[in-house]
Amino acid sequence: MKHHYPDHLKIEVLQHLEKVGSVTQVAHKFSIHPSTVYGWKHIGLEAFRKRAALAMAPANPESADSNVRIQRLEQENAVLREAAKLYFGYR
């Protein structure tokens, strides 16, 4: 089952990961699978902060929607690539 986690949670998880340093501990604390945390770590805290800021900013309906959609698709692809690496053992 695929979960949709809000950006503010991803930011909180990654900030906590910076403090703790252990993906396993953070995943357990937030009840999130470790591979999900690894995927978010791969994307990076700053990317989620930018995405959250874009979501909050008033947008030019045409260009902003396209840019946000492209950015989300790029981030989703990065997560899927990371998940494939973890699942299939690729490096």
Protein backbone atom coordinates (compact mmCIF):
# COMPACT_ATOMS: atom_id res chain seq x y z
CA MET A 1 0.00 0.00 0.00
CA LYS A 2 1.42 3.35 -1.02
CA HIS A 3 1.27 6.15 1.52
CA HIS A 4 1.26 9.82 0.74
CA TYR A 5 3.20 11.69 3.36
CA PRO A 6 2.92 15.48 3.54
CA ASP A 7 6.05 17.53 2.91
CA HIS A 8 6.03 18.95 6.44
CA LEU A 9 6.37 15.41 7.82
CA LYS A 10 9.22 14.62 5.43
CA ILE A 11 10.98 17.79 6.55
CA GLU A 12 10.48 16.89 10.21
CA VAL A 13 11.77 13.35 9.64
CA LEU A 14 14.87 14.56 7.80
CA GLN A 15 15.61 17.22 10.41
CA HIS A 16 15.38 14.55 13.10
CA LEU A 17 17.62 12.29 11.03
CA GLU A 18 20.27 15.03 10.97
CA LYS A 19 20.20 15.09 14.78
CA VAL A 20 20.02 11.34 15.40
CA GLY A 21 21.98 9.99 12.44
CA SER A 22 20.25 6.60 12.39
CA VAL A 23 17.69 5.89 9.69
CA THR A 24 16.45 2.88 11.64
CA GLN A 25 15.80 4.89 14.80
CA VAL A 26 14.06 7.69 12.90
CA ALA A 27 11.94 5.24 10.92
CA HIS A 28 10.88 3.52 14.12
CA LYS A 29 10.09 6.81 15.89
CA PHE A 30 7.86 8.04 13.04
CA SER A 31 6.47 4.57 12.15
CA ILE A 32 7.78 4.83 8.60
CA HIS A 33 9.59 2.08 6.70
CA PRO A 34 13.37 2.65 6.63
CA SER A 35 13.46 2.46 2.82
CA THR A 36 11.06 5.40 2.71
CA VAL A 37 13.38 7.42 4.94
CA TYR A 38 16.35 6.45 2.75
CA GLY A 39 14.44 7.66 -0.30
CA TRP A 40 13.67 10.99 1.35
CA LYS A 41 17.29 11.29 2.46
CA HIS A 42 18.39 10.73 -1.13
CA ILE A 43 16.12 13.54 -2.34
CA GLY A 44 17.31 15.80 0.43
CA LEU A 45 15.88 18.13 3.03
CA GLU A 46 16.36 21.23 0.91
CA ALA A 47 14.31 19.79 -1.96
CA PHE A 48 11.37 19.19 0.35
CA ARG A 49 11.70 22.66 1.84
CA LYS A 50 11.61 24.18 -1.65
CA ARG A 51 8.62 22.05 -2.59
CA ALA A 52 6.75 23.08 0.56
CA ALA A 53 7.56 26.73 -0.13
CA LEU A 54 6.28 26.40 -3.70
CA ALA A 55 3.07 24.88 -2.44
CA MET A 56 2.53 27.80 -0.07
CA ALA A 57 3.40 30.57 -2.56
CA PRO A 58 0.74 32.22 -4.70
CA ALA A 59 1.28 30.89 -8.17
CA ASN A 60 0.94 31.94 -11.75
CA PRO A 61 -1.60 29.25 -12.65
CA GLU A 62 0.06 28.07 -15.86
CA SER A 63 3.82 28.20 -15.32
CA ALA A 64 3.85 27.53 -11.58
CA ASP A 65 1.58 24.49 -11.88
CA SER A 66 3.80 23.05 -14.60
CA ASN A 67 6.98 23.71 -12.61
CA VAL A 68 5.55 22.17 -9.45
CA ARG A 69 4.33 19.15 -11.39
CA ILE A 70 7.73 18.67 -13.04
CA GLN A 71 9.51 19.02 -9.71
CA ARG A 72 7.18 16.51 -8.05
CA LEU A 73 7.64 14.02 -10.89
CA GLU A 74 11.42 14.39 -10.70
CA GLN A 75 11.32 13.78 -6.95
CA GLU A 76 9.01 10.80 -7.33
CA ASN A 77 11.37 9.35 -9.93
CA ALA A 78 14.30 9.81 -7.55
CA VAL A 79 12.40 7.98 -4.81
CA LEU A 80 11.49 5.16 -7.19
CA ARG A 81 15.11 4.85 -8.36
CA GLU A 82 16.28 4.67 -4.75
CA ALA A 83 13.61 2.11 -3.89
CA ALA A 84 14.64 -0.02 -6.88
CA LYS A 85 18.25 0.13 -5.72
CA LEU A 86 17.26 -1.01 -2.24
CA TYR A 87 14.86 -3.68 -3.47
CA PHE A 88 17.06 -5.13 -6.18
CA GLY A 89 20.37 -4.50 -4.46
CA TYR A 90 21.68 -2.20 -7.19
CA ARG A 91 24.39 0.30 -6.43
